[in-house]
C-alpha atoms as a PDB file:
ATOM      1  CA  MET A   1      68.817 119.037  53.684  1.00  0.00           C
ATOM      2  CA  ASP A   2      68.433 115.397  52.434  1.00  0.00           C
ATOM      3  CA  ARG A   3      69.192 114.319  48.683  1.00  0.00           C
ATOM      4  CA  GLU A   4      65.858 114.141  47.666  1.00  0.00           C
ATOM      5  CA  GLU A   5      65.052 117.827  48.782  1.00  0.00           C
ATOM      6  CA  THR A   6      68.242 119.067  47.214  1.00  0.00           C
ATOM      7  CA  SER A   7      67.215 117.033  43.896  1.00  0.00           C
ATOM      8  CA  ALA A   8      63.764 118.697  43.788  1.00  0.00           C
ATOM      9  CA  ARG A   9      65.264 122.159  44.283  1.00  0.00           C
ATOM     10  CA  ILE A  10      67.769 121.678  41.537  1.00  0.00           C
ATOM     11  CA  ALA A  11      65.060 120.229  39.296  1.00  0.00           C
ATOM     12  CA  ALA A  12      63.322 123.259  39.521  1.00  0.00           C
ATOM     13  CA  LEU A  13      66.216 125.377  38.770  1.00  0.00           C
ATOM     14  CA  ILE A  14      67.122 123.334  35.728  1.00  0.00           C
ATOM     15  CA  GLU A  15      63.471 123.803  34.179  1.00  0.00           C
ATOM     16  CA  PRO A  16      64.261 126.971  32.348  1.00  0.00           C
ATOM     17  CA  PHE A  17      67.515 125.668  31.011  1.00  0.00           C
ATOM     18  CA  ASN A  18      65.838 122.559  29.806  1.00  0.00           C
ATOM     19  CA  LYS A  19      64.755 123.627  26.345  1.00  0.00           C
ATOM     20  CA  LYS A  20      63.679 120.346  25.042  1.00  0.00           C
ATOM     21  CA  GLY A  21      61.819 119.265  27.893  1.00  0.00           C
ATOM     22  CA  ILE A  22      64.191 116.268  28.429  1.00  0.00           C
ATOM     23  CA  GLU A  23      63.179 113.971  31.427  1.00  0.00           C
ATOM     24  CA  ILE A  24      65.713 114.581  34.129  1.00  0.00           C
ATOM     25  CA  THR A  25      67.259 111.454  35.835  1.00  0.00           C
ATOM     26  CA  ASP A  26      70.485 110.897  37.745  1.00  0.00           C
ATOM     27  CA  SER A  27      72.163 109.800  34.552  1.00  0.00           C
ATOM     28  CA  THR A  28      71.082 112.846  32.390  1.00  0.00           C
ATOM     29  CA  ARG A  29      74.184 114.355  30.935  1.00  0.00           C
ATOM     30  CA  PHE A  30      74.325 118.190  30.767  1.00  0.00           C
ATOM     31  CA  THR A  31      76.438 118.559  27.514  1.00  0.00           C
ATOM     32  CA  ASP A  32      75.030 115.364  25.782  1.00  0.00           C
ATOM     33  CA  ASP A  33      71.335 115.016  26.689  1.00  0.00           C
ATOM     34  CA  LEU A  34      70.439 118.608  27.489  1.00  0.00           C
ATOM     35  CA  GLU A  35      72.890 119.948  24.923  1.00  0.00           C
ATOM     36  CA  PHE A  36      74.073 122.750  27.450  1.00  0.00           C
ATOM     37  CA  ASP A  37      76.963 125.092  25.936  1.00  0.00           C
ATOM     38  CA  SER A  38      79.575 126.748  28.150  1.00  0.00           C
ATOM     39  CA  LEU A  39      77.325 129.671  28.724  1.00  0.00           C
ATOM     40  CA  THR A  40      74.330 127.832  29.762  1.00  0.00           C
ATOM     41  CA  VAL A  41      76.630 125.846  32.115  1.00  0.00           C
ATOM     42  CA  MET A  42      77.925 128.927  33.806  1.00  0.00           C
ATOM     43  CA  ASP A  43      74.287 130.455  34.210  1.00  0.00           C
ATOM     44  CA  PHE A  44      73.002 127.146  35.682  1.00  0.00           C
ATOM     45  CA  VAL A  45      75.898 126.925  37.945  1.00  0.00           C
ATOM     46  CA  ALA A  46      75.531 130.607  39.120  1.00  0.00           C
ATOM     47  CA  ALA A  47      71.648 129.916  39.711  1.00  0.00           C
ATOM     48  CA  ILE A  48      72.565 126.676  41.860  1.00  0.00           C
ATOM     49  CA  GLU A  49      75.367 128.751  43.730  1.00  0.00           C
ATOM     50  CA  ASP A  50      72.747 131.501  44.518  1.00  0.00           C
ATOM     51  CA  GLU A  51      69.985 129.063  45.692  1.00  0.00           C
ATOM     52  CA  PHE A  52      72.047 127.022  48.026  1.00  0.00           C
ATOM     53  CA  ASP A  53      74.514 129.775  48.914  1.00  0.00           C
ATOM     54  CA  ILE A  54      77.699 127.550  47.887  1.00  0.00           C
ATOM     55  CA  ILE A  55      80.535 127.840  45.786  1.00  0.00           C
ATOM     56  CA  ILE A  56      81.246 125.129  43.048  1.00  0.00           C
ATOM     57  CA  SER A  57      84.949 125.383  42.080  1.00  0.00           C
ATOM     58  CA  MET A  58      85.812 125.076  38.483  1.00  0.00           C
ATOM     59  CA  ASN A  59      87.737 121.679  39.300  1.00  0.00           C
ATOM     60  CA  GLN A  60      84.604 120.275  40.698  1.00  0.00           C
ATOM     61  CA  GLN A  61      82.496 121.494  37.715  1.00  0.00           C
ATOM     62  CA  ALA A  62      84.975 119.611  35.482  1.00  0.00           C
ATOM     63  CA  GLU A  63      84.215 116.489  37.455  1.00  0.00           C
ATOM     64  CA  ILE A  64      80.273 116.773  37.294  1.00  0.00           C
ATOM     65  CA  GLU A  65      78.967 115.125  33.947  1.00  0.00           C
ATOM     66  CA  ASN A  66      75.435 114.284  34.993  1.00  0.00           C
ATOM     67  CA  TYR A  67      72.501 115.143  37.240  1.00  0.00           C
ATOM     68  CA  GLY A  68      73.130 112.842  39.997  1.00  0.00           C
ATOM     69  CA  GLN A  69      76.887 113.737  40.216  1.00  0.00           C
ATOM     70  CA  LEU A  70      75.629 117.546  40.701  1.00  0.00           C
ATOM     71  CA  VAL A  71      73.028 116.648  43.391  1.00  0.00           C
ATOM     72  CA  ASP A  72      75.687 114.685  45.324  1.00  0.00           C
ATOM     73  CA  ALA A  73      78.199 117.492  44.880  1.00  0.00           C
ATOM     74  CA  VAL A  74      75.573 119.965  46.181  1.00  0.00           C
ATOM     75  CA  VAL A  75      74.741 117.803  49.168  1.00  0.00           C
ATOM     76  CA  LYS A  76      78.411 117.549  50.012  1.00  0.00           C
ATOM     77  CA  LEU A  77      79.061 121.187  49.808  1.00  0.00           C
ATOM     78  CA  GLN A  78      76.143 121.932  51.980  1.00  0.00           C
ATOM     79  CA  GLY A  79      77.781 120.040  54.693  1.00  0.00           C
END
């Protein structure tokens, strides 16, 4: 699966969590722009892991600050 397709699937997953209807770009930050709290982050990560059948470790999660980094990480984890 290429980056564009992965991004589209993640964009669909983020929709219910994007309460303010913020436009999602590669530079969109989860805590600053989308105002995700820790519980929202955990729910969102679980949805991504289920959708793509991957595991995103706590260390990886700590390094992911924006949407583009998340898409790149998911692409990499899929092999």
